[in-house]
């Protein structure tokens, strides 16, 4: 019985999917894996990067907040994806991400490091946004949630790969720089592998009807949904956005963990938590996105509050695992909502605004966390104080329409 349940939730799609969709999931999933690797490196190696560039302890999070501003140019690229197509932008973003990642590895000053990471993230963020859009447009209403869950799982595996490489940071030549350089290699391979990637069917059909202005169409036709999604994501990012990036620094500083111990916990808990995305995707196809998001957010808030404010020893591993499991689950469903709730003519732009709202909330989180750090004198209670406020993001979720088990056209019809 449990074997059948495992296969149904974690492996087998709700219905057979054609080989074309399997190949598509592989190509966009590989990008999610690489993005998960690249964006998690700083969180793991913050202490080592801090030492290289003499970053003050209270500004570790602010550095992340600065190069997350790369999401602003990503909005313009997503706008272009609604005008010229998803495929063209997916190729451009891979090349840009590879260049930015290599530059990061060779940065000689803090200013250069931030500039390189900001540029890399412009393209990495756009890639993540468009990957979820492609999944939403190409998979049926019965398999969208499952496919989004698989995509999220691959992104989490990328973070696990970063943790594995970080365990060797003190043995690697050039330390953290080598970790970044390794991230550029698969990006170049994927650029070659994607040369035959087709444009999505829904975009081709929409393009035949003539082009529209994505921004004006979005504001005119679905302003209420957009506002609810933005508020949800800002609150989510503001309350939980510091938990993962500052965890490694917190464990090494407060609990005196060594890099290999941090990596060991991240790997073990990460592989368990990966099931959170597949669980969320499959269960949301059955019970609805909103219900699963609510349960996930409450679990993440409780777990991270205890992890940073109370836990020690084995309790650190337990609450980190449950918190990460729930965070990944809610993250992938937020991304899915951002693509599902809007029509093809401005789906990429809406997804980019959703992504931007999440990162803006995360930027606010680092600014607030720095002030709380000055008050408490430690990262732990500062992050915990933010985490307990996470359930506030469920208020706008209540007012959003439920997209599960509906076609994209039923959820959000094109309007004149």
Foldseek 3Di string as FASTA:
>chain_A
DVVVVCCDQPNDFPDDDDPLVVVLLVLLLLLLLLLLQQLQLCLLCVVVVCVQAVPDPLCSLVLVLLLLVLLVLLLVLLQVCLVPHLLVLLLVLLVQLLVLLLQCLVDNYSVSNSVSSSSNVNSSVNSVLSSLLLLQQADFLRGSLLSLLSSLLSNLVSNLVNLVVLLCQVVDVSRSSVSSNVSSVVSVVSSVVCPPPDTGPQSVVVVVVPADRQVVQCCVAPVPQLVLLLLLQLLQLQQQVVQRSNVNVQCCPVVVDDSNVVSVLSNVLSVLLSSLSSNLSNVCLVPFLLVLLLVLLVQLLVLLLCLLPPDDDVSVSVSVSSNSSSVSSNVSSSLNCQQLQEDSSNSSSSSSSSSVSNSNSNSNNSVQQSVVCVVVVGSRNSSSVSSNSRSVSSVSSVVQDTSRPHRSCVNYNRDD
